[in-house]
Amino acid sequence: MRLTSVLATATAVAMAIGGGAAAAPLAFGGATIGMSLSAWRALAPPDGVDPTARPACSSDTRVVAAGSSALSPALLPGGEVACAYASVYGRTVLISAAPLAGRYVADDLRFVFAEGRLDEIDFRTSVDAYNVVEAQLSARYGPPTATTRVWAQTAIGRLARVQQTWSASGGTVTLTDPAKPLSDLQVRLIGTRGGARHATTGRPAAVG
């Protein structure tokens, strides 16, 4: 990818993730860590989200009735509520992707609330977006404060999984490459409540 293309794409990712270096809060697609659930529901969905998608949460009757889905309450620790922009058809819940930059999209975009406040924002995107996403996170938050590398056995042999962590005002950001599936990386914005919860429960900061 040419340098001008990388810079243009990084700028677009910056706008999606939450603006330039002067913007303190952790945010994505207009949602800011710490905002209330009711405030999130009142937001307009990010541009490019499936027009049939609406705010949907694991506490909603229609989502509970759908049973197994990425928003199933059974997948969450007690008291947490997971939300997404989704289309619900009977027992099927389809989470909409959101445009990220260029040909890249934020897949499985979820907003997790704890004690009524937005505590985590998670999404996956192609591993091909790594350079763009990593460059923007570093430009926004400075060099990673931690980098860990774990060797994992996969269907194609041993593979190094790298997780980088950035400290930010109000929480942390993690970038895991690759995640699951191996063609994807994962970005997770974690508020202070989420960070404390991960430390006490052992829940990983990114899907491994």
N, C-alpha and C. Protein backbone atom coordinates (compact mmCIF):
# COMPACT_ATOMS: atom_id res chain seq x y z
N MET A 1 0.85 -1.19 0.00
CA MET A 1 0.00 0.00 0.00
C MET A 1 0.89 1.24 0.00
N ARG A 2 0.61 2.23 -0.84
CA ARG A 2 1.40 3.44 -0.90
C ARG A 2 1.23 4.27 0.37
N LEU A 3 2.29 5.08 0.70
CA LEU A 3 2.26 5.84 1.93
C LEU A 3 1.06 6.76 2.00
N THR A 4 0.73 7.44 0.88
CA THR A 4 -0.41 8.35 0.90
C THR A 4 -1.70 7.61 1.20
N SER A 5 -1.80 6.38 0.69
CA SER A 5 -3.00 5.58 0.94
C SER A 5 -3.07 5.17 2.40
N VAL A 6 -1.91 4.78 2.99
CA VAL A 6 -1.88 4.39 4.40
C VAL A 6 -2.30 5.56 5.28
N LEU A 7 -1.76 6.76 4.99
CA LEU A 7 -2.09 7.93 5.79
C LEU A 7 -3.55 8.29 5.69
N ALA A 8 -4.11 8.20 4.48
CA ALA A 8 -5.53 8.52 4.30
C ALA A 8 -6.40 7.53 5.04
N THR A 9 -6.03 6.24 4.98
CA THR A 9 -6.82 5.23 5.67
C THR A 9 -6.68 5.38 7.17
N ALA A 10 -5.48 5.71 7.65
CA ALA A 10 -5.29 5.91 9.09
C ALA A 10 -6.13 7.07 9.59
N THR A 11 -6.25 8.11 8.79
CA THR A 11 -7.08 9.25 9.17
C THR A 11 -8.53 8.83 9.32
N ALA A 12 -9.01 7.99 8.39
CA ALA A 12 -10.39 7.52 8.46
C ALA A 12 -10.60 6.65 9.70
N VAL A 13 -9.62 5.80 10.01
CA VAL A 13 -9.72 4.98 11.22
C VAL A 13 -9.75 5.87 12.44
N ALA A 14 -8.94 6.95 12.42
CA ALA A 14 -8.91 7.87 13.56
C ALA A 14 -10.29 8.47 13.79
N MET A 15 -10.97 8.87 12.74
CA MET A 15 -12.30 9.45 12.89
C MET A 15 -13.26 8.43 13.48
N ALA A 16 -13.14 7.16 13.04
CA ALA A 16 -14.05 6.13 13.56
C ALA A 16 -13.76 5.84 15.01
N ILE A 17 -12.44 5.73 15.36
CA ILE A 17 -12.08 5.36 16.72
C ILE A 17 -12.36 6.49 17.70
N GLY A 18 -12.29 7.73 17.25
CA GLY A 18 -12.67 8.78 18.19
C GLY A 18 -11.97 10.10 18.02
N GLY A 19 -11.42 10.37 16.86
CA GLY A 19 -10.85 11.68 16.62
C GLY A 19 -9.35 11.70 16.72
N GLY A 20 -8.79 12.89 16.93
CA GLY A 20 -7.35 13.06 16.96
C GLY A 20 -6.79 12.94 18.35
N ALA A 21 -5.49 13.24 18.47
CA ALA A 21 -4.79 13.03 19.74
C ALA A 21 -5.34 13.90 20.86
N ALA A 22 -6.00 15.03 20.50
CA ALA A 22 -6.50 15.92 21.53
C ALA A 22 -7.77 15.39 22.19
N ALA A 23 -8.44 14.40 21.55
CA ALA A 23 -9.68 13.86 22.10
C ALA A 23 -9.33 12.85 23.19
N ALA A 24 -9.74 13.16 24.44
CA ALA A 24 -9.35 12.31 25.57
C ALA A 24 -10.16 11.03 25.70
N PRO A 25 -11.50 11.05 25.51
CA PRO A 25 -12.26 9.85 25.84
C PRO A 25 -12.06 8.72 24.85
N LEU A 26 -12.19 7.50 25.35
CA LEU A 26 -12.21 6.33 24.48
C LEU A 26 -13.56 6.29 23.79
N ALA A 27 -13.56 6.20 22.46
CA ALA A 27 -14.82 6.28 21.73
C ALA A 27 -14.72 5.55 20.41
N PHE A 28 -15.87 5.14 19.90
CA PHE A 28 -15.95 4.54 18.57
C PHE A 28 -17.36 4.77 18.02
N GLY A 29 -17.43 5.24 16.79
CA GLY A 29 -18.72 5.40 16.12
C GLY A 29 -19.70 6.28 16.87
N GLY A 30 -19.19 7.28 17.59
CA GLY A 30 -20.06 8.19 18.32
C GLY A 30 -20.33 7.77 19.75
N ALA A 31 -20.00 6.51 20.09
CA ALA A 31 -20.22 6.02 21.46
C ALA A 31 -18.95 6.24 22.27
N THR A 32 -19.12 6.72 23.50
CA THR A 32 -17.99 7.05 24.36
C THR A 32 -18.02 6.21 25.63
N ILE A 33 -16.88 5.62 25.97
CA ILE A 33 -16.79 4.86 27.22
C ILE A 33 -17.27 5.72 28.38
N GLY A 34 -18.15 5.16 29.19
CA GLY A 34 -18.69 5.88 30.34
C GLY A 34 -20.09 6.42 30.13
N MET A 35 -20.56 6.45 28.86
CA MET A 35 -21.91 6.97 28.62
C MET A 35 -22.94 5.98 29.10
N SER A 36 -24.16 6.46 29.33
CA SER A 36 -25.22 5.60 29.84
C SER A 36 -25.84 4.77 28.72
N LEU A 37 -26.49 3.69 29.10
CA LEU A 37 -27.16 2.83 28.13
C LEU A 37 -28.25 3.60 27.39
N SER A 38 -29.01 4.41 28.11
CA SER A 38 -30.08 5.18 27.46
C SER A 38 -29.51 6.18 26.47
N ALA A 39 -28.36 6.78 26.79
CA ALA A 39 -27.73 7.71 25.86
C ALA A 39 -27.25 6.99 24.62
N TRP A 40 -26.71 5.78 24.78
CA TRP A 40 -26.27 5.00 23.61
C TRP A 40 -27.46 4.65 22.72
N ARG A 41 -28.56 4.23 23.32
CA ARG A 41 -29.74 3.88 22.52
C ARG A 41 -30.24 5.08 21.72
N ALA A 42 -30.02 6.29 22.23
CA ALA A 42 -30.51 7.50 21.56
C ALA A 42 -29.60 7.94 20.42
N LEU A 43 -28.39 7.36 20.32
CA LEU A 43 -27.47 7.75 19.27
C LEU A 43 -27.98 7.30 17.90
N ALA A 44 -27.65 8.06 16.87
CA ALA A 44 -27.89 7.59 15.51
C ALA A 44 -26.83 6.54 15.19
N PRO A 45 -27.19 5.44 14.55
CA PRO A 45 -26.18 4.43 14.19
C PRO A 45 -25.10 5.05 13.32
N PRO A 46 -23.88 4.53 13.37
CA PRO A 46 -22.82 5.05 12.51
C PRO A 46 -23.22 4.96 11.04
N ASP A 47 -22.78 5.89 10.25
CA ASP A 47 -23.06 5.86 8.81
C ASP A 47 -22.56 4.54 8.24
N GLY A 48 -23.36 3.94 7.37
CA GLY A 48 -22.96 2.71 6.71
C GLY A 48 -23.43 1.44 7.38
N VAL A 49 -24.01 1.55 8.59
CA VAL A 49 -24.59 0.38 9.23
C VAL A 49 -25.81 -0.06 8.44
N ASP A 50 -26.07 -1.36 8.41
CA ASP A 50 -27.23 -1.89 7.69
C ASP A 50 -28.48 -1.09 8.07
N PRO A 51 -29.21 -0.58 7.07
CA PRO A 51 -30.38 0.26 7.38
C PRO A 51 -31.47 -0.45 8.15
N THR A 52 -31.48 -1.78 8.14
CA THR A 52 -32.49 -2.52 8.91
C THR A 52 -32.06 -2.74 10.36
N ALA A 53 -30.81 -2.42 10.69
CA ALA A 53 -30.30 -2.67 12.03
C ALA A 53 -30.77 -1.59 13.00
N ARG A 54 -31.04 -2.00 14.21
CA ARG A 54 -31.47 -1.10 15.27
C ARG A 54 -30.68 -1.42 16.54
N PRO A 55 -30.62 -0.50 17.49
CA PRO A 55 -29.98 -0.84 18.76
C PRO A 55 -30.66 -2.06 19.39
N ALA A 56 -29.88 -3.05 19.74
CA ALA A 56 -30.40 -4.27 20.35
C ALA A 56 -29.46 -4.69 21.47
N CYS A 57 -30.03 -5.12 22.59
CA CYS A 57 -29.23 -5.47 23.76
C CYS A 57 -29.64 -6.83 24.32
N SER A 58 -28.70 -7.43 25.04
CA SER A 58 -28.95 -8.76 25.60
C SER A 58 -30.08 -8.76 26.61
N SER A 59 -30.46 -7.60 27.11
CA SER A 59 -31.56 -7.51 28.06
C SER A 59 -32.91 -7.30 27.38
N ASP A 60 -32.92 -7.11 26.06
CA ASP A 60 -34.17 -6.89 25.33
C ASP A 60 -34.97 -8.19 25.22
N THR A 61 -36.27 -8.08 25.35
CA THR A 61 -37.12 -9.26 25.29
C THR A 61 -36.95 -10.02 23.98
N ARG A 62 -36.86 -9.30 22.87
CA ARG A 62 -36.76 -9.95 21.55
C ARG A 62 -35.42 -10.67 21.40
N VAL A 63 -34.35 -10.16 22.03
CA VAL A 63 -33.05 -10.82 21.96
C VAL A 63 -33.04 -12.05 22.85
N VAL A 64 -33.60 -11.93 24.05
CA VAL A 64 -33.69 -13.08 24.95
C VAL A 64 -34.50 -14.20 24.30
N ALA A 65 -35.59 -13.82 23.62
CA ALA A 65 -36.44 -14.81 22.97
C ALA A 65 -35.73 -15.51 21.82
N ALA A 66 -34.75 -14.82 21.22
CA ALA A 66 -34.03 -15.41 20.10
C ALA A 66 -33.11 -16.54 20.55
N GLY A 67 -32.81 -16.59 21.85
CA GLY A 67 -31.97 -17.67 22.35
C GLY A 67 -30.51 -17.43 22.02
N SER A 68 -29.85 -18.45 21.48
CA SER A 68 -28.42 -18.38 21.22
C SER A 68 -28.08 -17.32 20.19
N SER A 69 -27.22 -16.39 20.55
CA SER A 69 -26.73 -15.36 19.63
C SER A 69 -25.52 -14.71 20.27
N ALA A 70 -24.85 -13.85 19.52
CA ALA A 70 -23.68 -13.15 20.04
C ALA A 70 -24.05 -12.21 21.18
N LEU A 71 -25.35 -11.93 21.33
CA LEU A 71 -25.82 -11.06 22.41
C LEU A 71 -26.50 -11.85 23.52
N SER A 72 -26.34 -13.16 23.52
CA SER A 72 -27.00 -13.98 24.52
C SER A 72 -26.55 -13.60 25.93
N PRO A 73 -27.50 -13.38 26.86
CA PRO A 73 -27.13 -13.08 28.25
C PRO A 73 -26.27 -14.17 28.88
N ALA A 74 -26.41 -15.40 28.39
CA ALA A 74 -25.65 -16.52 28.95
C ALA A 74 -24.15 -16.37 28.73
N LEU A 75 -23.75 -15.55 27.76
CA LEU A 75 -22.34 -15.37 27.44
C LEU A 75 -21.69 -14.28 28.27
N LEU A 76 -22.47 -13.62 29.12
CA LEU A 76 -21.99 -12.46 29.85
C LEU A 76 -21.89 -12.72 31.35
N PRO A 77 -20.90 -12.09 32.02
CA PRO A 77 -20.89 -12.14 33.48
C PRO A 77 -22.14 -11.46 34.03
N GLY A 78 -22.54 -11.81 35.21
CA GLY A 78 -23.74 -11.23 35.80
C GLY A 78 -23.70 -9.72 35.84
N GLY A 79 -24.79 -9.11 35.46
CA GLY A 79 -24.91 -7.66 35.53
C GLY A 79 -24.47 -6.92 34.29
N GLU A 80 -23.78 -7.60 33.36
CA GLU A 80 -23.36 -6.94 32.14
C GLU A 80 -24.46 -7.02 31.08
N VAL A 81 -24.50 -6.02 30.23
CA VAL A 81 -25.44 -5.97 29.11
C VAL A 81 -24.64 -5.70 27.85
N ALA A 82 -24.78 -6.57 26.85
CA ALA A 82 -24.09 -6.39 25.58
C ALA A 82 -25.08 -5.87 24.54
N CYS A 83 -24.64 -4.88 23.78
CA CYS A 83 -25.51 -4.27 22.77
C CYS A 83 -24.80 -4.21 21.43
N ALA A 84 -25.59 -4.05 20.39
CA ALA A 84 -25.06 -3.93 19.03
C ALA A 84 -26.13 -3.31 18.16
N TYR A 85 -25.72 -2.92 16.97
CA TYR A 85 -26.70 -2.55 15.95
C TYR A 85 -27.02 -3.84 15.20
N ALA A 86 -28.24 -4.31 15.34
CA ALA A 86 -28.57 -5.64 14.84
C ALA A 86 -29.97 -5.68 14.24
N SER A 87 -30.14 -6.66 13.37
CA SER A 87 -31.46 -6.97 12.82
C SER A 87 -31.91 -8.27 13.47
N VAL A 88 -33.12 -8.28 14.03
CA VAL A 88 -33.63 -9.45 14.72
C VAL A 88 -34.80 -10.02 13.92
N TYR A 89 -34.62 -11.28 13.48
CA TYR A 89 -35.66 -11.96 12.72
C TYR A 89 -36.02 -13.24 13.47
N GLY A 90 -37.07 -13.18 14.27
CA GLY A 90 -37.46 -14.37 15.04
C GLY A 90 -36.33 -14.78 15.97
N ARG A 91 -35.77 -15.97 15.74
CA ARG A 91 -34.70 -16.48 16.58
C ARG A 91 -33.32 -16.18 16.00
N THR A 92 -33.24 -15.30 15.02
CA THR A 92 -31.97 -14.95 14.39
C THR A 92 -31.61 -13.49 14.70
N VAL A 93 -30.41 -13.28 15.23
CA VAL A 93 -29.90 -11.94 15.52
C VAL A 93 -28.68 -11.71 14.65
N LEU A 94 -28.76 -10.75 13.73
CA LEU A 94 -27.67 -10.45 12.82
C LEU A 94 -27.05 -9.11 13.20
N ILE A 95 -25.81 -9.15 13.69
CA ILE A 95 -25.12 -7.92 14.07
C ILE A 95 -24.53 -7.27 12.83
N SER A 96 -24.83 -6.00 12.65
CA SER A 96 -24.34 -5.28 11.48
C SER A 96 -22.88 -4.88 11.65
N ALA A 97 -22.13 -4.97 10.56
CA ALA A 97 -20.79 -4.41 10.53
C ALA A 97 -20.89 -2.90 10.36
N ALA A 98 -19.82 -2.20 10.73
CA ALA A 98 -19.77 -0.75 10.56
C ALA A 98 -18.54 -0.40 9.74
N PRO A 99 -18.64 0.53 8.82
CA PRO A 99 -17.46 0.93 8.04
C PRO A 99 -16.34 1.41 8.95
N LEU A 100 -15.12 1.02 8.63
CA LEU A 100 -13.96 1.42 9.42
C LEU A 100 -13.10 2.39 8.62
N ALA A 101 -12.59 1.94 7.49
CA ALA A 101 -11.80 2.80 6.60
C ALA A 101 -11.57 2.05 5.30
N GLY A 102 -11.77 2.75 4.20
CA GLY A 102 -11.55 2.11 2.91
C GLY A 102 -12.38 0.85 2.78
N ARG A 103 -11.71 -0.26 2.48
CA ARG A 103 -12.43 -1.54 2.33
C ARG A 103 -12.58 -2.27 3.65
N TYR A 104 -12.05 -1.72 4.73
CA TYR A 104 -12.11 -2.39 6.02
C TYR A 104 -13.39 -2.06 6.76
N VAL A 105 -13.93 -3.05 7.48
CA VAL A 105 -15.13 -2.83 8.28
C VAL A 105 -14.89 -3.36 9.69
N ALA A 106 -15.65 -2.84 10.63
CA ALA A 106 -15.63 -3.32 12.01
C ALA A 106 -16.71 -4.38 12.14
N ASP A 107 -16.29 -5.64 12.20
CA ASP A 107 -17.23 -6.76 12.34
C ASP A 107 -17.49 -7.06 13.81
N ASP A 108 -18.65 -7.68 14.08
CA ASP A 108 -19.01 -8.07 15.46
C ASP A 108 -18.83 -6.90 16.42
N LEU A 109 -19.26 -5.72 16.00
CA LEU A 109 -19.13 -4.52 16.83
C LEU A 109 -20.10 -4.61 18.00
N ARG A 110 -19.56 -4.68 19.22
CA ARG A 110 -20.38 -4.81 20.42
C ARG A 110 -20.03 -3.72 21.42
N PHE A 111 -21.05 -3.32 22.16
CA PHE A 111 -20.91 -2.31 23.20
C PHE A 111 -21.36 -2.97 24.51
N VAL A 112 -20.47 -3.09 25.47
CA VAL A 112 -20.77 -3.81 26.71
C VAL A 112 -20.93 -2.81 27.85
N PHE A 113 -22.05 -2.92 28.55
CA PHE A 113 -22.37 -2.01 29.65
C PHE A 113 -22.27 -2.75 30.98
N ALA A 114 -21.72 -2.07 31.97
CA ALA A 114 -21.65 -2.58 33.34
C ALA A 114 -22.15 -1.48 34.26
N GLU A 115 -23.06 -1.84 35.13
CA GLU A 115 -23.65 -0.87 36.05
C GLU A 115 -24.25 0.31 35.29
N GLY A 116 -24.81 0.00 34.11
CA GLY A 116 -25.52 1.02 33.34
C GLY A 116 -24.64 1.95 32.53
N ARG A 117 -23.31 1.70 32.53
CA ARG A 117 -22.39 2.57 31.81
C ARG A 117 -21.59 1.77 30.78
N LEU A 118 -21.32 2.40 29.65
CA LEU A 118 -20.55 1.73 28.60
C LEU A 118 -19.14 1.46 29.11
N ASP A 119 -18.76 0.19 29.11
CA ASP A 119 -17.52 -0.24 29.72
C ASP A 119 -16.52 -0.80 28.72
N GLU A 120 -17.03 -1.34 27.60
CA GLU A 120 -16.14 -1.90 26.59
C GLU A 120 -16.75 -1.70 25.21
N ILE A 121 -15.89 -1.51 24.24
CA ILE A 121 -16.28 -1.51 22.83
C ILE A 121 -15.34 -2.48 22.13
N ASP A 122 -15.89 -3.49 21.48
CA ASP A 122 -15.09 -4.52 20.83
C ASP A 122 -15.46 -4.62 19.37
N PHE A 123 -14.48 -4.87 18.52
CA PHE A 123 -14.77 -5.22 17.13
C PHE A 123 -13.60 -5.98 16.53
N ARG A 124 -13.87 -6.67 15.45
CA ARG A 124 -12.86 -7.37 14.68
C ARG A 124 -12.75 -6.72 13.30
N THR A 125 -11.59 -6.84 12.70
CA THR A 125 -11.42 -6.41 11.31
C THR A 125 -10.33 -7.28 10.70
N SER A 126 -10.10 -7.14 9.42
CA SER A 126 -9.12 -7.96 8.72
C SER A 126 -7.71 -7.73 9.26
N VAL A 127 -6.91 -8.81 9.31
CA VAL A 127 -5.51 -8.64 9.71
C VAL A 127 -4.77 -7.73 8.73
N ASP A 128 -5.29 -7.57 7.52
CA ASP A 128 -4.65 -6.67 6.56
C ASP A 128 -4.69 -5.22 7.02
N ALA A 129 -5.57 -4.92 7.97
CA ALA A 129 -5.69 -3.54 8.47
C ALA A 129 -4.73 -3.26 9.62
N TYR A 130 -3.87 -4.23 9.97
CA TYR A 130 -3.03 -4.08 11.15
C TYR A 130 -2.18 -2.81 11.11
N ASN A 131 -1.45 -2.59 10.02
CA ASN A 131 -0.54 -1.43 9.97
C ASN A 131 -1.29 -0.12 10.16
N VAL A 132 -2.46 -0.03 9.55
CA VAL A 132 -3.25 1.20 9.64
C VAL A 132 -3.76 1.40 11.07
N VAL A 133 -4.33 0.36 11.66
CA VAL A 133 -4.90 0.47 13.00
C VAL A 133 -3.80 0.71 14.04
N GLU A 134 -2.69 -0.03 13.93
CA GLU A 134 -1.60 0.11 14.89
C GLU A 134 -0.99 1.51 14.81
N ALA A 135 -0.82 2.02 13.59
CA ALA A 135 -0.24 3.36 13.43
C ALA A 135 -1.14 4.42 14.04
N GLN A 136 -2.45 4.27 13.86
CA GLN A 136 -3.36 5.28 14.40
C GLN A 136 -3.42 5.22 15.92
N LEU A 137 -3.45 4.02 16.48
CA LEU A 137 -3.48 3.91 17.94
C LEU A 137 -2.21 4.50 18.55
N SER A 138 -1.07 4.26 17.89
CA SER A 138 0.18 4.81 18.40
C SER A 138 0.22 6.32 18.26
N ALA A 139 -0.35 6.84 17.17
CA ALA A 139 -0.39 8.29 16.99
C ALA A 139 -1.29 8.95 18.03
N ARG A 140 -2.34 8.24 18.40
CA ARG A 140 -3.32 8.82 19.34
C ARG A 140 -2.87 8.68 20.78
N TYR A 141 -2.29 7.51 21.14
CA TYR A 141 -2.00 7.22 22.55
C TYR A 141 -0.50 7.09 22.86
N GLY A 142 0.35 7.24 21.85
CA GLY A 142 1.77 7.07 22.06
C GLY A 142 2.17 5.61 21.86
N PRO A 143 3.41 5.27 22.14
CA PRO A 143 3.85 3.88 21.97
C PRO A 143 3.07 2.94 22.89
N PRO A 144 2.89 1.70 22.47
CA PRO A 144 2.21 0.74 23.36
C PRO A 144 2.91 0.65 24.71
N THR A 145 2.13 0.53 25.76
CA THR A 145 2.69 0.41 27.10
C THR A 145 3.07 -1.03 27.42
N ALA A 146 2.56 -1.98 26.63
CA ALA A 146 2.91 -3.39 26.82
C ALA A 146 2.70 -4.13 25.51
N THR A 147 3.56 -5.08 25.25
CA THR A 147 3.41 -5.96 24.09
C THR A 147 3.71 -7.38 24.55
N THR A 148 2.79 -8.28 24.32
CA THR A 148 2.99 -9.68 24.69
C THR A 148 2.86 -10.54 23.44
N ARG A 149 3.64 -11.61 23.41
CA ARG A 149 3.60 -12.54 22.27
C ARG A 149 3.44 -13.95 22.83
N VAL A 150 2.41 -14.64 22.38
CA VAL A 150 2.12 -15.99 22.85
C VAL A 150 2.07 -16.92 21.64
N TRP A 151 2.74 -18.04 21.76
CA TRP A 151 2.69 -19.03 20.68
C TRP A 151 1.51 -19.96 20.92
N ALA A 152 0.67 -20.09 19.92
CA ALA A 152 -0.54 -20.91 20.04
C ALA A 152 -0.55 -21.97 18.94
N GLN A 153 -1.03 -23.14 19.28
CA GLN A 153 -1.17 -24.21 18.30
C GLN A 153 -2.47 -24.02 17.54
N THR A 154 -2.39 -23.95 16.23
CA THR A 154 -3.57 -23.76 15.39
C THR A 154 -3.66 -24.87 14.35
N ALA A 155 -4.70 -24.83 13.55
CA ALA A 155 -4.89 -25.84 12.52
C ALA A 155 -3.78 -25.80 11.47
N ILE A 156 -3.09 -24.67 11.39
CA ILE A 156 -2.02 -24.55 10.39
C ILE A 156 -0.64 -24.57 11.05
N GLY A 157 -0.59 -24.99 12.31
CA GLY A 157 0.68 -25.08 13.03
C GLY A 157 0.81 -24.02 14.11
N ARG A 158 2.01 -23.92 14.70
CA ARG A 158 2.24 -22.94 15.75
C ARG A 158 2.26 -21.54 15.16
N LEU A 159 1.59 -20.64 15.87
CA LEU A 159 1.43 -19.28 15.36
C LEU A 159 1.60 -18.30 16.51
N ALA A 160 2.34 -17.22 16.25
CA ALA A 160 2.53 -16.19 17.28
C ALA A 160 1.34 -15.25 17.29
N ARG A 161 0.76 -15.07 18.47
CA ARG A 161 -0.33 -14.11 18.64
C ARG A 161 0.20 -12.95 19.46
N VAL A 162 0.12 -11.76 18.90
CA VAL A 162 0.67 -10.57 19.54
C VAL A 162 -0.48 -9.71 20.07
N GLN A 163 -0.34 -9.25 21.31
CA GLN A 163 -1.29 -8.30 21.86
C GLN A 163 -0.54 -7.05 22.32
N GLN A 164 -0.96 -5.92 21.80
CA GLN A 164 -0.40 -4.63 22.20
C GLN A 164 -1.44 -3.89 23.03
N THR A 165 -0.96 -3.18 24.04
CA THR A 165 -1.84 -2.45 24.94
C THR A 165 -1.40 -0.99 25.02
N TRP A 166 -2.37 -0.10 24.96
CA TRP A 166 -2.14 1.33 25.12
C TRP A 166 -2.89 1.82 26.36
N SER A 167 -2.25 2.65 27.15
CA SER A 167 -2.93 3.31 28.25
C SER A 167 -3.58 4.58 27.73
N ALA A 168 -4.81 4.83 28.14
CA ALA A 168 -5.54 6.01 27.68
C ALA A 168 -6.31 6.60 28.84
N SER A 169 -6.74 7.83 28.66
CA SER A 169 -7.54 8.48 29.69
C SER A 169 -8.85 7.73 29.84
N GLY A 170 -9.09 7.19 31.02
CA GLY A 170 -10.34 6.49 31.27
C GLY A 170 -10.30 5.01 30.96
N GLY A 171 -9.13 4.46 30.61
CA GLY A 171 -9.09 3.03 30.34
C GLY A 171 -7.89 2.62 29.51
N THR A 172 -8.04 1.51 28.79
CA THR A 172 -6.97 0.98 27.95
C THR A 172 -7.53 0.55 26.61
N VAL A 173 -6.61 0.36 25.66
CA VAL A 173 -6.97 -0.15 24.34
C VAL A 173 -6.07 -1.35 24.06
N THR A 174 -6.63 -2.43 23.55
CA THR A 174 -5.82 -3.57 23.17
C THR A 174 -6.04 -3.89 21.70
N LEU A 175 -4.97 -4.33 21.06
CA LEU A 175 -4.99 -4.78 19.66
C LEU A 175 -4.39 -6.17 19.65
N THR A 176 -5.17 -7.16 19.24
CA THR A 176 -4.71 -8.54 19.22
C THR A 176 -4.67 -9.05 17.78
N ASP A 177 -3.51 -9.58 17.37
CA ASP A 177 -3.31 -10.03 15.99
C ASP A 177 -2.51 -11.33 15.98
N PRO A 178 -3.09 -12.42 15.43
CA PRO A 178 -4.48 -12.52 14.99
C PRO A 178 -5.38 -12.87 16.16
N ALA A 179 -6.69 -12.77 15.90
CA ALA A 179 -7.68 -13.15 16.90
C ALA A 179 -8.35 -14.43 16.40
N LYS A 180 -9.63 -14.52 16.53
CA LYS A 180 -10.40 -15.63 15.97
C LYS A 180 -11.49 -15.05 15.09
N PRO A 181 -11.58 -15.49 13.83
CA PRO A 181 -10.70 -16.42 13.13
C PRO A 181 -9.33 -15.81 12.88
N LEU A 182 -8.40 -16.63 12.39
CA LEU A 182 -7.03 -16.17 12.21
C LEU A 182 -6.89 -15.10 11.15
N SER A 183 -7.92 -14.90 10.34
CA SER A 183 -7.90 -13.87 9.31
C SER A 183 -8.24 -12.49 9.88
N ASP A 184 -8.59 -12.44 11.18
CA ASP A 184 -9.03 -11.20 11.80
C ASP A 184 -8.09 -10.77 12.92
N LEU A 185 -8.08 -9.48 13.18
CA LEU A 185 -7.51 -8.94 14.40
C LEU A 185 -8.65 -8.36 15.23
N GLN A 186 -8.40 -8.10 16.49
CA GLN A 186 -9.44 -7.55 17.36
C GLN A 186 -8.95 -6.30 18.06
N VAL A 187 -9.84 -5.32 18.14
CA VAL A 187 -9.59 -4.10 18.89
C VAL A 187 -10.60 -4.06 20.02
N ARG A 188 -10.11 -3.73 21.20
CA ARG A 188 -11.00 -3.63 22.36
C ARG A 188 -10.66 -2.37 23.14
N LEU A 189 -11.65 -1.52 23.35
CA LEU A 189 -11.53 -0.34 24.19
C LEU A 189 -12.16 -0.67 25.53
N ILE A 190 -11.40 -0.57 26.61
CA ILE A 190 -11.82 -1.06 27.91
C ILE A 190 -11.81 0.08 28.92
N GLY A 191 -12.95 0.33 29.54
CA GLY A 191 -13.04 1.36 30.57
C GLY A 191 -12.43 0.91 31.88
N THR A 192 -12.42 1.79 32.85
CA THR A 192 -11.80 1.47 34.14
C THR A 192 -12.54 0.35 34.87
N ARG A 193 -13.87 0.31 34.73
CA ARG A 193 -14.61 -0.79 35.36
C ARG A 193 -14.21 -2.11 34.72
N GLY A 194 -14.12 -2.10 33.40
CA GLY A 194 -13.76 -3.31 32.68
C GLY A 194 -12.37 -3.78 33.03
N GLY A 195 -11.41 -2.85 33.15
CA GLY A 195 -10.06 -3.23 33.51
C GLY A 195 -10.00 -3.89 34.87
N ALA A 196 -10.71 -3.33 35.83
CA ALA A 196 -10.73 -3.93 37.17
C ALA A 196 -11.39 -5.29 37.14
N ARG A 197 -12.45 -5.43 36.34
CA ARG A 197 -13.16 -6.69 36.27
C ARG A 197 -12.30 -7.78 35.63
N HIS A 198 -11.57 -7.43 34.56
CA HIS A 198 -10.67 -8.40 33.94
C HIS A 198 -9.63 -8.87 34.93
N ALA A 199 -9.12 -7.94 35.74
CA ALA A 199 -8.06 -8.28 36.70
C ALA A 199 -8.57 -9.25 37.77
N THR A 200 -9.84 -9.09 38.17
CA THR A 200 -10.37 -9.92 39.26
C THR A 200 -10.97 -11.23 38.77
N THR A 201 -11.43 -11.27 37.52
CA THR A 201 -12.07 -12.48 37.01
C THR A 201 -11.17 -13.30 36.14
N GLY A 202 -10.08 -12.68 35.66
CA GLY A 202 -9.21 -13.42 34.76
C GLY A 202 -9.72 -13.43 33.34
N ARG A 203 -10.81 -12.72 33.07
CA ARG A 203 -11.33 -12.67 31.71
C ARG A 203 -10.32 -11.98 30.81
N PRO A 204 -9.96 -12.54 29.67
CA PRO A 204 -8.93 -11.95 28.82
C PRO A 204 -9.36 -10.62 28.25
N ALA A 205 -8.38 -9.77 27.95
CA ALA A 205 -8.66 -8.45 27.40
C ALA A 205 -8.98 -8.51 25.93
N ALA A 206 -8.81 -9.65 25.30
CA ALA A 206 -9.17 -9.81 23.89
C ALA A 206 -9.41 -11.28 23.62
N VAL A 207 -10.19 -11.55 22.59
CA VAL A 207 -10.47 -12.93 22.24
C VAL A 207 -9.19 -13.59 21.76
N GLY A 208 -8.90 -14.78 22.28
CA GLY A 208 -7.66 -15.44 21.91
C GLY A 208 -7.88 -16.67 21.08
